Protein backbone atom coordinates (compact mmCIF):
# COMPACT_ATOMS: atom_id res chain seq x y z
CA UNK A 1 15.65 4.50 -4.60
CA UNK A 2 13.30 5.61 -1.76
CA UNK A 3 13.15 2.38 0.28
CA UNK A 4 9.96 4.14 2.72
CA UNK A 5 6.57 2.14 3.07
CA UNK A 6 3.51 3.68 4.75
CA UNK A 7 1.07 0.87 6.64
CA UNK A 8 -1.70 1.10 8.60
CA UNK A 9 -3.29 -1.54 10.77
CA UNK A 10 -5.15 -0.87 14.21
CA UNK A 11 -3.38 -4.07 15.52
CA UNK A 12 -0.15 -3.63 16.81
CA UNK A 13 1.27 -6.96 16.55
CA UNK A 14 0.62 -7.05 12.18
CA UNK A 15 2.52 -3.35 12.31
CA UNK A 16 5.18 -4.97 14.54
CA UNK A 17 5.07 -8.14 11.95
CA UNK A 18 5.37 -6.09 8.73
CA UNK A 19 8.09 -3.49 10.47
CA UNK A 20 10.04 -6.63 11.33
CA UNK A 21 9.62 -8.26 8.09
CA UNK A 22 9.98 -5.17 5.58
CA UNK A 23 13.12 -3.85 8.39
CA UNK A 24 15.10 -7.19 7.27
CA UNK A 25 14.78 -6.10 3.72
CA UNK A 26 15.80 -2.56 4.64
CA UNK A 27 12.86 -0.81 4.23
CA UNK A 28 12.08 2.14 6.41
CA UNK A 29 8.18 1.47 7.56
CA UNK A 30 6.47 4.49 9.37
CA UNK A 31 3.14 3.03 10.95
CA UNK A 32 -0.22 4.04 12.34
CA UNK A 33 -3.38 2.39 13.59
CA UNK A 34 -5.83 5.09 11.78
CA UNK A 35 -6.69 5.49 8.26
CA UNK A 36 -6.18 9.79 8.19
CA UNK A 37 -2.96 9.74 9.80
CA UNK A 38 -1.72 7.03 7.04
CA UNK A 39 -3.10 9.37 4.29
CA UNK A 40 -1.12 12.00 6.03
CA UNK A 41 2.02 10.06 6.19
CA UNK A 42 1.63 9.20 2.72
CA UNK A 43 1.69 13.03 2.03
CA UNK A 44 4.51 14.10 4.29
CA UNK A 45 6.95 10.79 3.27
CA UNK A 46 5.95 9.89 -0.37
CA UNK A 47 6.54 5.99 0.12
CA UNK A 48 7.23 3.41 -2.09
CA UNK A 49 4.44 1.45 -1.03
CA UNK A 50 1.47 1.65 1.36
CA UNK A 51 -0.31 -1.12 3.25
CA UNK A 52 -3.93 -0.62 4.46
CA UNK A 53 -5.97 -2.89 6.75
CA UNK A 54 -9.89 -2.25 5.54
CA UNK A 55 -11.30 -2.25 8.96
CA UNK A 56 -9.42 0.45 11.12
CA UNK A 57 -10.61 3.47 12.71
CA UNK A 58 -10.43 6.93 10.36
CA UNK A 59 -12.79 5.84 7.71
CA UNK A 60 -16.33 8.27 7.28
CA UNK A 61 -18.61 6.71 4.92
CA UNK A 62 -16.11 3.56 3.95
CA UNK A 63 -14.48 1.63 6.42
CA UNK A 64 -11.02 3.07 6.98
CA UNK A 65 -9.10 1.28 4.86
CA UNK A 66 -11.03 2.00 2.03
CA UNK A 67 -11.56 5.48 2.40
CA UNK A 68 -7.31 5.62 3.10
CA UNK A 69 -7.24 3.87 -0.40
CA UNK A 70 -9.82 6.71 -1.99
CA UNK A 71 -7.78 9.72 -0.63
CA UNK A 72 -4.51 8.27 -1.50
CA UNK A 73 -5.57 6.90 -5.02
CA UNK A 74 -7.43 10.71 -5.85
CA UNK A 75 -4.26 12.87 -4.88
CA UNK A 76 -2.91 13.99 -8.13
CA UNK A 77 0.80 13.43 -5.73
CA UNK A 78 -0.03 10.22 -4.40
CA UNK A 79 -2.47 8.29 -7.04
CA UNK A 80 0.59 6.21 -8.32
CA UNK A 81 2.11 4.85 -5.08
CA UNK A 82 1.15 1.06 -5.16
CA UNK A 83 -1.14 0.27 -2.32
CA UNK A 84 -1.60 -3.19 -0.99
CA UNK A 85 -4.60 -4.26 1.48
CA UNK A 86 -3.61 -6.28 4.09
CA UNK A 87 -6.99 -7.42 6.02
CA UNK A 88 -8.98 -10.21 7.21
CA UNK A 89 -11.86 -9.16 5.26
CA UNK A 90 -12.50 -12.24 2.87
CA UNK A 91 -15.96 -11.09 0.93
CA UNK A 92 -15.91 -10.73 -2.65
CA UNK A 93 -17.59 -7.41 -2.22
CA UNK A 94 -14.67 -6.08 -0.22
CA UNK A 95 -11.81 -7.56 -2.43
CA UNK A 96 -13.94 -5.76 -5.74
CA UNK A 97 -14.40 -2.42 -3.80
CA UNK A 98 -10.84 -2.30 -3.28
CA UNK A 99 -9.69 -3.80 -6.40
CA UNK A 100 -11.78 -1.18 -8.25
CA UNK A 101 -10.97 1.95 -6.14
CA UNK A 102 -7.64 1.27 -6.98
CA UNK A 103 -5.36 -0.98 -4.88
CA UNK A 104 -2.52 -2.72 -6.52
CA UNK A 105 -2.76 -6.47 -3.99
CA UNK A 106 -5.18 -7.63 -1.97
CA UNK A 107 -3.38 -9.75 0.94
CA UNK A 108 -5.65 -11.64 3.66
CA UNK A 109 -4.59 -12.27 7.28
CA UNK A 110 -3.16 -14.25 8.69
CA UNK A 111 -0.04 -14.07 6.27
CA UNK A 112 3.49 -15.25 5.58
CA UNK A 113 5.79 -12.28 6.32
CA UNK A 114 7.91 -14.02 3.75
CA UNK A 115 5.05 -13.98 0.53
CA UNK A 116 4.50 -10.38 1.95
CA UNK A 117 7.83 -9.16 1.58
CA UNK A 118 7.83 -10.74 -2.21
CA UNK A 119 4.65 -9.22 -3.37
CA UNK A 120 5.45 -6.03 -1.45
CA UNK A 121 8.78 -5.98 -4.00
CA UNK A 122 6.84 -6.94 -6.90
CA UNK A 123 4.31 -4.27 -6.29
CA UNK A 124 7.13 -2.04 -6.12
CA UNK A 125 8.54 -2.88 -8.93
CA UNK A 126 5.78 -3.27 -11.15
CA UNK A 127 4.88 0.31 -10.31
CA UNK A 128 8.45 1.68 -11.01
CA UNK A 129 8.15 0.04 -14.43
CA UNK A 130 4.67 1.02 -15.48
CA UNK A 131 5.68 4.71 -14.33
CA UNK A 132 9.35 4.96 -15.64
CA UNK A 133 9.52 7.66 -18.39
CA UNK A 134 11.18 5.75 -21.34
CA UNK A 135 14.53 6.72 -22.45
CA UNK A 136 15.09 7.68 -25.98
CA UNK A 137 16.67 4.78 -27.27
CA UNK A 138 13.67 2.63 -25.53
CA UNK A 139 11.40 4.12 -27.84
CA UNK A 140 10.42 2.36 -31.24
CA UNK A 141 10.84 4.05 -34.95
CA UNK A 142 8.23 3.77 -36.75
């Protein structure tokens, strides 16, 4: 199983913290501070998950992270890639916009690195189970 994760955040301290914690769990983390670059990284590397900040450069009409989320979820090759929003944005409108836009999880900063790892791992496992093709033995006969 590939273990590449893309993170996009305009705060280098957040990127370093995520890289450190996910790296300790043997994830290969690719990072950028720009929403459009995050989408390009995801298209190039087909990661097991993407982590996006809401407020960062690279958005057009939407804030950067929501723009990247929309681009990922509308791409046929990436739409099943789980996406976590990791942000300081706490407003109900922003949370709802992210979740209705296809985000699989939403985590507010500040965060504990161990909790982030657990939620990313669960998100990846849940996504893998959801999109796995059942084997003939797993199909019930009626």
